[in-house]
Protein backbone atom coordinates (compact mmCIF):
# COMPACT_ATOMS: atom_id res chain seq x y z
CA MET A 1 -18.46 5.59 -22.43
CA GLU A 2 -20.01 6.94 -19.23
CA TYR A 3 -18.63 4.00 -17.12
CA ASP A 4 -15.17 4.32 -18.30
CA GLY A 5 -12.98 4.30 -14.86
CA VAL A 6 -16.03 4.98 -12.72
CA LEU A 7 -14.84 2.86 -9.78
CA LEU A 8 -11.48 2.79 -8.31
CA GLY A 9 -10.11 0.55 -5.72
CA MET A 10 -6.88 0.69 -3.60
CA GLY A 11 -5.52 -2.00 -1.61
CA ASN A 12 -3.06 -4.92 -1.00
CA PRO A 13 -2.68 -7.08 -4.01
CA LEU A 14 -1.93 -10.78 -3.27
CA LEU A 15 -1.49 -13.53 -5.77
CA ASP A 16 -3.47 -16.51 -4.47
CA ILE A 17 -1.54 -19.60 -5.16
CA SER A 18 -4.03 -22.42 -4.78
CA ALA A 19 -3.26 -26.16 -4.94
CA VAL A 20 -4.38 -29.54 -3.61
CA VAL A 21 -1.35 -30.49 -1.50
CA ASP A 22 -0.68 -33.45 0.77
CA ASP A 23 -0.34 -33.97 4.55
CA ASP A 24 3.46 -34.17 4.28
CA PHE A 25 3.41 -30.61 2.76
CA LEU A 26 1.24 -29.29 5.59
CA ASN A 27 3.37 -31.06 8.26
CA LYS A 28 6.62 -29.73 6.65
CA TYR A 29 5.52 -26.15 7.11
CA GLY A 30 3.52 -26.63 10.32
CA ILE A 31 0.14 -25.66 8.67
CA LYS A 32 -3.18 -26.46 10.38
CA LEU A 33 -6.20 -27.26 8.25
CA ASN A 34 -8.92 -24.61 8.14
CA ASP A 35 -6.55 -22.00 9.49
CA ALA A 36 -5.65 -18.47 8.07
CA ILE A 37 -2.26 -17.16 9.18
CA LEU A 38 0.47 -14.59 8.22
CA ALA A 39 3.50 -16.18 6.90
CA GLU A 40 6.63 -16.46 9.13
CA ASP A 41 10.18 -17.01 7.77
CA LYS A 42 9.76 -20.73 7.98
CA HIS A 43 6.90 -20.59 5.28
CA LEU A 44 8.66 -18.40 2.83
CA PRO A 45 10.02 -21.29 0.66
CA MET A 46 6.56 -23.00 0.35
CA TYR A 47 5.16 -20.79 -2.39
CA ASP A 48 7.85 -21.79 -4.85
CA GLU A 49 7.62 -25.29 -3.76
CA MET A 50 3.83 -25.38 -4.34
CA ALA A 51 4.33 -24.01 -7.83
CA SER A 52 6.98 -26.58 -8.84
CA LYS A 53 5.62 -29.68 -7.09
CA PHE A 54 1.67 -29.36 -7.42
CA LYS A 55 -0.79 -28.26 -10.10
CA VAL A 56 -1.36 -24.67 -8.93
CA GLU A 57 -3.94 -22.07 -9.96
CA PHE A 58 -2.99 -18.49 -9.84
CA ILE A 59 -5.73 -16.07 -8.82
CA ALA A 60 -5.33 -12.35 -8.42
CA GLY A 61 -6.42 -11.76 -4.96
CA GLY A 62 -6.32 -9.43 -1.96
CA ALA A 63 -9.64 -8.13 -0.39
CA THR A 64 -10.15 -4.90 -2.46
CA GLN A 65 -8.75 -6.52 -5.62
CA ASN A 66 -11.27 -9.33 -5.25
CA SER A 67 -14.19 -6.86 -4.89
CA ILE A 68 -13.01 -4.75 -7.90
CA ARG A 69 -12.70 -7.97 -10.13
CA VAL A 70 -16.20 -9.10 -9.13
CA ALA A 71 -17.68 -5.70 -9.81
CA GLN A 72 -16.05 -5.72 -13.22
CA TRP A 73 -17.32 -9.12 -13.95
CA MET A 74 -20.88 -8.02 -12.95
CA LEU A 75 -20.74 -4.88 -15.02
CA GLN A 76 -19.44 -6.61 -18.17
CA LYS A 77 -18.22 -2.99 -19.34
CA PRO A 78 -14.49 -2.96 -20.34
CA GLY A 79 -12.42 -0.48 -18.40
CA ALA A 80 -15.15 0.39 -15.87
CA THR A 81 -12.98 -0.39 -12.94
CA SER A 82 -9.39 0.55 -11.94
CA TYR A 83 -7.18 -0.66 -9.15
CA ILE A 84 -3.94 0.52 -7.42
CA GLY A 85 -1.68 -1.29 -5.14
CA CYS A 86 1.91 -2.54 -4.96
CA ILE A 87 3.55 -5.60 -6.39
CA GLY A 88 7.12 -6.80 -6.92
CA LYS A 89 9.07 -6.93 -10.10
CA ASP A 90 8.95 -10.75 -10.42
CA LYS A 91 7.18 -13.68 -12.03
CA PHE A 92 4.30 -13.50 -9.66
CA GLY A 93 3.87 -9.76 -10.32
CA GLU A 94 3.76 -10.59 -14.00
CA GLU A 95 1.11 -13.30 -13.30
CA MET A 96 -0.91 -10.76 -11.47
CA LYS A 97 -0.84 -8.30 -14.24
CA GLN A 98 -1.87 -10.88 -16.81
CA ASN A 99 -4.61 -12.00 -14.44
CA ALA A 100 -6.05 -8.47 -13.94
CA LYS A 101 -5.89 -7.87 -17.73
CA VAL A 102 -7.91 -10.92 -18.36
CA ALA A 103 -10.47 -9.79 -15.66
CA GLY A 104 -10.79 -6.48 -17.59
CA VAL A 105 -9.58 -4.20 -14.51
CA ASN A 106 -7.38 -1.25 -15.44
CA VAL A 107 -4.45 -1.76 -12.95
CA HIS A 108 -1.75 0.74 -12.10
CA TYR A 109 0.48 -1.11 -9.77
CA PHE A 110 3.36 0.49 -8.04
CA GLU A 111 6.28 -2.08 -8.83
CA THR A 112 9.01 -2.34 -6.24
CA GLU A 113 12.37 -3.95 -6.33
CA SER A 114 12.67 -4.03 -2.58
CA ALA A 115 10.18 -6.90 -1.96
CA PRO A 116 8.64 -9.85 -3.89
CA THR A 117 4.90 -9.75 -4.81
CA GLY A 118 2.65 -10.50 -1.94
CA THR A 119 1.23 -14.11 -2.02
CA CYS A 120 -1.40 -16.11 -0.38
CA GLY A 121 -0.83 -19.89 -0.28
CA VAL A 122 -4.17 -21.68 -0.46
CA CYS A 123 -3.46 -25.26 0.62
CA VAL A 124 -6.37 -27.64 -0.04
CA VAL A 125 -6.54 -31.21 1.39
CA GLY A 126 -9.69 -33.18 1.28
CA GLY A 127 -11.73 -30.16 0.26
CA GLU A 128 -10.54 -28.15 3.40
CA ARG A 129 -8.25 -25.23 2.82
CA SER A 130 -5.72 -23.21 4.78
CA LEU A 131 -4.44 -19.77 3.95
CA VAL A 132 -0.83 -18.52 4.52
CA ALA A 133 -0.52 -14.85 3.59
CA ASN A 134 2.66 -13.00 2.96
CA LEU A 135 2.19 -9.34 2.33
CA SER A 136 5.61 -8.50 1.05
CA ALA A 137 5.51 -5.89 -1.72
CA ALA A 138 1.92 -4.97 -0.78
CA ASN A 139 3.33 -3.47 2.48
CA CYS A 140 5.59 -1.07 0.36
CA TYR A 141 3.00 1.23 -1.25
CA LYS A 142 3.90 4.85 -1.12
CA ILE A 143 1.67 7.90 -1.51
CA ASP A 144 4.19 9.32 -4.13
CA HIS A 145 3.02 6.63 -6.57
CA LEU A 146 -0.58 7.88 -5.98
CA LYS A 147 0.46 11.49 -6.73
CA LYS A 148 2.01 10.80 -10.09
CA PRO A 149 -0.16 12.47 -12.77
CA GLU A 150 -0.97 9.07 -14.69
CA ASN A 151 -2.35 7.52 -11.31
CA TRP A 152 -3.98 10.80 -9.90
CA ALA A 153 -5.84 10.84 -13.27
CA LEU A 154 -7.62 7.49 -12.20
CA VAL A 155 -8.69 9.24 -8.96
CA GLU A 156 -9.96 12.30 -10.88
CA LYS A 157 -11.89 10.22 -13.42
CA ALA A 158 -13.55 7.77 -10.81
CA LYS A 159 -16.82 8.67 -9.13
CA TYR A 160 -16.80 5.95 -6.71
CA TYR A 161 -13.82 4.66 -4.36
CA TYR A 162 -13.68 1.40 -2.45
CA ILE A 163 -10.66 0.53 -0.06
CA ALA A 164 -10.59 -2.43 2.23
CA GLY A 165 -9.69 -1.65 5.88
CA PHE A 166 -6.55 -3.74 5.45
CA PHE A 167 -4.91 -0.78 3.53
CA LEU A 168 -5.03 1.20 6.75
CA THR A 169 -2.05 -0.94 7.76
CA VAL A 170 -0.04 0.12 4.68
CA SER A 171 -0.84 3.77 3.48
CA PRO A 172 -3.31 5.61 5.61
CA ASP A 173 -2.01 8.85 4.10
CA SER A 174 -3.05 7.61 0.55
CA ILE A 175 -6.63 6.71 1.97
CA GLN A 176 -6.97 10.21 3.47
CA LEU A 177 -5.79 11.89 0.12
CA VAL A 178 -8.48 10.05 -1.83
CA ALA A 179 -11.18 10.53 0.95
CA GLU A 180 -10.58 14.34 0.98
CA HIS A 181 -10.81 14.50 -2.91
CA ALA A 182 -14.13 12.52 -2.69
CA ALA A 183 -15.60 14.90 -0.26
CA ALA A 184 -14.46 18.00 -2.16
CA ASN A 185 -15.89 16.68 -5.32
CA ASP A 186 -19.21 15.31 -4.25
CA LYS A 187 -18.09 11.69 -5.03
CA ILE A 188 -18.71 8.47 -3.09
CA PHE A 189 -16.05 7.06 -0.74
CA MET A 190 -16.54 3.60 0.72
CA MET A 191 -14.47 1.41 3.10
CA ASN A 192 -14.72 -1.95 4.77
CA LEU A 193 -14.17 -2.84 8.48
CA SER A 194 -12.26 -5.78 7.03
CA ALA A 195 -11.26 -7.57 10.19
CA PRO A 196 -11.55 -7.36 13.97
CA PHE A 197 -7.70 -6.67 14.33
CA ILE A 198 -8.14 -3.60 12.10
CA CYS A 199 -10.83 -2.19 14.41
CA GLU A 200 -8.67 -3.05 17.37
CA PHE A 201 -5.21 -2.13 16.52
CA PHE A 202 -5.76 0.44 13.68
CA LYS A 203 -8.42 2.34 15.42
CA ASP A 204 -6.82 5.83 15.00
CA PRO A 205 -6.39 5.68 11.17
CA GLN A 206 -9.81 4.12 10.86
CA GLU A 207 -11.44 6.91 13.02
CA LYS A 208 -9.55 9.37 10.97
CA ALA A 209 -11.03 8.02 7.63
CA LEU A 210 -14.60 7.26 8.98
CA PRO A 211 -16.04 10.85 8.72
CA TYR A 212 -15.41 10.51 4.99
CA MET A 213 -16.94 7.26 4.42
CA ASP A 214 -20.36 7.27 2.69
CA TYR A 215 -20.64 3.49 2.81
CA VAL A 216 -19.23 1.30 5.48
CA PHE A 217 -19.23 -2.51 4.79
CA GLY A 218 -18.39 -5.16 7.32
CA ASN A 219 -19.70 -8.56 8.76
CA GLU A 220 -21.15 -9.15 12.21
CA THR A 221 -17.92 -10.16 13.88
CA GLU A 222 -16.21 -6.91 12.80
CA ALA A 223 -19.28 -4.79 13.74
CA ARG A 224 -19.28 -6.19 17.21
CA THR A 225 -15.59 -5.65 17.62
CA PHE A 226 -16.05 -2.14 16.45
CA SER A 227 -18.69 -1.64 19.01
CA LYS A 228 -16.52 -3.07 21.74
CA VAL A 229 -13.48 -0.90 20.94
CA HIS A 230 -15.76 2.25 21.03
CA GLY A 231 -17.34 1.34 24.39
CA TRP A 232 -20.81 1.09 22.99
CA GLU A 233 -21.87 -1.91 25.09
CA THR A 234 -24.04 -3.54 22.52
CA ASP A 235 -23.74 -6.65 20.54
CA ASN A 236 -26.96 -5.84 18.54
CA VAL A 237 -25.74 -5.75 14.94
CA GLU A 238 -28.77 -3.49 14.00
CA GLU A 239 -27.95 -0.96 16.73
CA ILE A 240 -24.37 -1.02 15.75
CA ALA A 241 -25.03 -0.44 12.09
CA ILE A 242 -27.13 2.65 13.03
CA LYS A 243 -24.53 3.97 15.31
CA ILE A 244 -21.92 3.70 12.52
CA SER A 245 -24.15 5.36 10.11
CA ARG A 246 -24.58 8.33 12.54
CA TRP A 247 -20.97 8.95 13.01
CA PRO A 248 -20.18 12.58 12.06
CA LYS A 249 -19.51 13.15 8.42
CA ALA A 250 -16.85 15.36 6.97
CA SER A 251 -19.09 16.46 4.12
CA GLY A 252 -22.77 16.99 4.15
CA ALA A 253 -23.28 16.00 0.44
CA HIS A 254 -24.14 12.36 1.20
CA LYS A 255 -25.60 10.54 4.20
CA ARG A 256 -23.64 7.42 5.49
CA ILE A 257 -25.11 3.93 4.84
CA THR A 258 -23.87 0.92 6.78
CA VAL A 259 -24.01 -2.45 5.16
CA ILE A 260 -23.34 -5.46 7.40
CA THR A 261 -23.38 -9.05 6.19
CA GLN A 262 -24.09 -12.12 8.55
CA GLY A 263 -23.23 -15.18 6.65
CA ALA A 264 -26.55 -16.98 5.88
CA ASP A 265 -28.45 -14.60 8.06
CA PRO A 266 -30.07 -11.47 6.63
CA VAL A 267 -27.92 -8.45 5.42
CA VAL A 268 -28.46 -5.42 7.63
CA VAL A 269 -28.56 -2.00 6.11
CA ALA A 270 -28.74 1.11 8.14
CA GLU A 271 -29.55 4.65 6.81
CA ASP A 272 -31.53 7.52 8.25
CA GLY A 273 -31.77 6.10 11.65
CA LYS A 274 -33.59 3.02 10.41
CA VAL A 275 -32.63 -0.57 9.47
CA LYS A 276 -33.68 -2.65 6.67
CA LYS A 277 -32.95 -6.52 6.42
CA PHE A 278 -32.49 -8.50 3.31
CA PRO A 279 -32.62 -12.22 3.37
CA VAL A 280 -29.88 -14.32 1.79
CA ALA A 281 -30.64 -17.29 -0.49
CA LEU A 282 -29.80 -20.45 1.40
CA LEU A 283 -27.46 -22.91 -0.33
CA PRO A 284 -27.47 -26.58 0.33
CA LYS A 285 -24.38 -27.73 2.27
CA GLU A 286 -23.22 -29.98 -0.34
CA LYS A 287 -23.00 -27.12 -2.88
CA LEU A 288 -20.70 -25.07 -0.59
CA VAL A 289 -17.13 -25.31 -1.74
CA ASP A 290 -15.27 -22.47 -0.21
CA THR A 291 -16.50 -19.43 1.74
CA ASN A 292 -13.17 -17.65 1.31
CA GLY A 293 -13.88 -14.38 -0.73
CA ALA A 294 -17.54 -14.32 -0.12
CA GLY A 295 -17.56 -10.94 1.65
CA ASP A 296 -15.42 -9.48 -1.06
CA ALA A 297 -17.82 -10.88 -3.65
CA PHE A 298 -20.66 -9.31 -1.95
CA VAL A 299 -19.12 -5.98 -2.06
CA GLY A 300 -18.20 -6.39 -5.66
CA GLY A 301 -21.80 -7.23 -6.58
CA PHE A 302 -23.15 -4.40 -4.49
CA LEU A 303 -20.72 -1.91 -6.11
CA SER A 304 -21.73 -3.15 -9.58
CA GLN A 305 -25.23 -1.87 -9.21
CA LEU A 306 -24.34 1.14 -7.07
CA VAL A 307 -22.23 2.72 -9.81
CA GLN A 308 -25.21 2.36 -12.15
CA GLY A 309 -27.35 4.40 -9.77
CA LYS A 310 -29.57 1.48 -8.77
CA PRO A 311 -31.62 1.41 -5.52
CA ILE A 312 -30.03 -0.25 -2.45
CA GLU A 313 -32.42 -3.29 -2.81
CA ASP A 314 -30.82 -4.05 -6.15
CA CYS A 315 -27.35 -3.48 -4.75
CA VAL A 316 -27.85 -5.93 -1.94
CA LYS A 317 -29.53 -8.50 -4.26
CA ALA A 318 -26.51 -8.35 -6.56
CA GLY A 319 -24.15 -8.58 -3.60
CA ASN A 320 -25.87 -11.84 -2.52
CA TYR A 321 -25.98 -13.17 -6.03
CA ALA A 322 -22.15 -12.70 -6.39
CA ALA A 323 -21.40 -14.15 -2.87
CA ASN A 324 -23.59 -17.14 -3.83
CA VAL A 325 -21.76 -17.81 -6.98
CA VAL A 326 -18.26 -17.44 -5.42
CA ILE A 327 -18.86 -19.87 -2.43
CA GLN A 328 -19.75 -22.57 -4.84
CA ARG A 329 -16.22 -22.30 -6.42
CA SER A 330 -12.72 -22.59 -5.46
CA GLY A 331 -11.23 -19.27 -4.49
CA CYS A 332 -12.62 -15.86 -5.41
CA THR A 333 -13.52 -16.98 -9.00
CA TYR A 334 -16.68 -16.80 -11.18
CA PRO A 335 -18.03 -18.19 -14.50
CA GLU A 336 -17.39 -16.29 -17.82
CA LYS A 337 -20.68 -14.24 -17.51
CA PRO A 338 -23.07 -13.44 -14.76
CA SER A 339 -26.57 -14.58 -14.77
CA PHE A 340 -27.94 -11.69 -12.62
CA ASN A 341 -30.87 -9.73 -13.64
């Protein structure tokens, strides 16, 4: 099958532990509604407590893994996607493996005994949710794992690579190794700006990887932060997208294309010094369940068409479709089959 292992993702796998909790639980752990934070020591017992006290849903999460799962769902071709990241040797790690298997993604996790599997507590009260992320094992990924023959074989087999910017905080040397392989072998390497703090505090590793990026994804807030950090003195998303696309390339085989989402506003695509805008289908407010994972889903939908050699218009359309499906559900989840055509 020509699609076997065509797309490889690398990132920070987090098991989303989602439950409807009560105000007492939020107060006990000092969690504010509609917030997204990194776990502190005081939060660490909450994950087991959620699992024992409430009806929980386990969903294999983390930005890159979400995108790869959505791409796999959209493709409906078993084994088309692979994913690499670090989990712990524990029950949550087993849950993650099971989850990925059901999703049809070929995962090669690095399993460490030095830290538990990374988790993200999704606490829901009255339809509003708060996220508490504990990276743990995801932070322990090592390039040695990538270099093992059985894992490097995934790199050699793939023709497209996608890595969220969050992985720059964990293993920039692994990113660089894959980026250089892609450039040397005329393959497509893609990353996401991922978060304003990545553009601000991980500027150096991001800049080192940028010349290798054939596609750069992000949202309007991240694009504006990137512009500010580089002293571009513009908040205009279209201008920023063009400037990013014109950043020098490490290989001349492919031009760079920048894709910036803007929530309900049109998607901005910059290539060859020009911008195209693609409208987003508006969703009635009462149908909106959860915007968490919308950006990841957009990328997954986009990639599902890109690896099939479809034009950019089709890629964006698929991205918008996938994001629209995911925001009508809890977490980065989807029905059994896509109805995209």
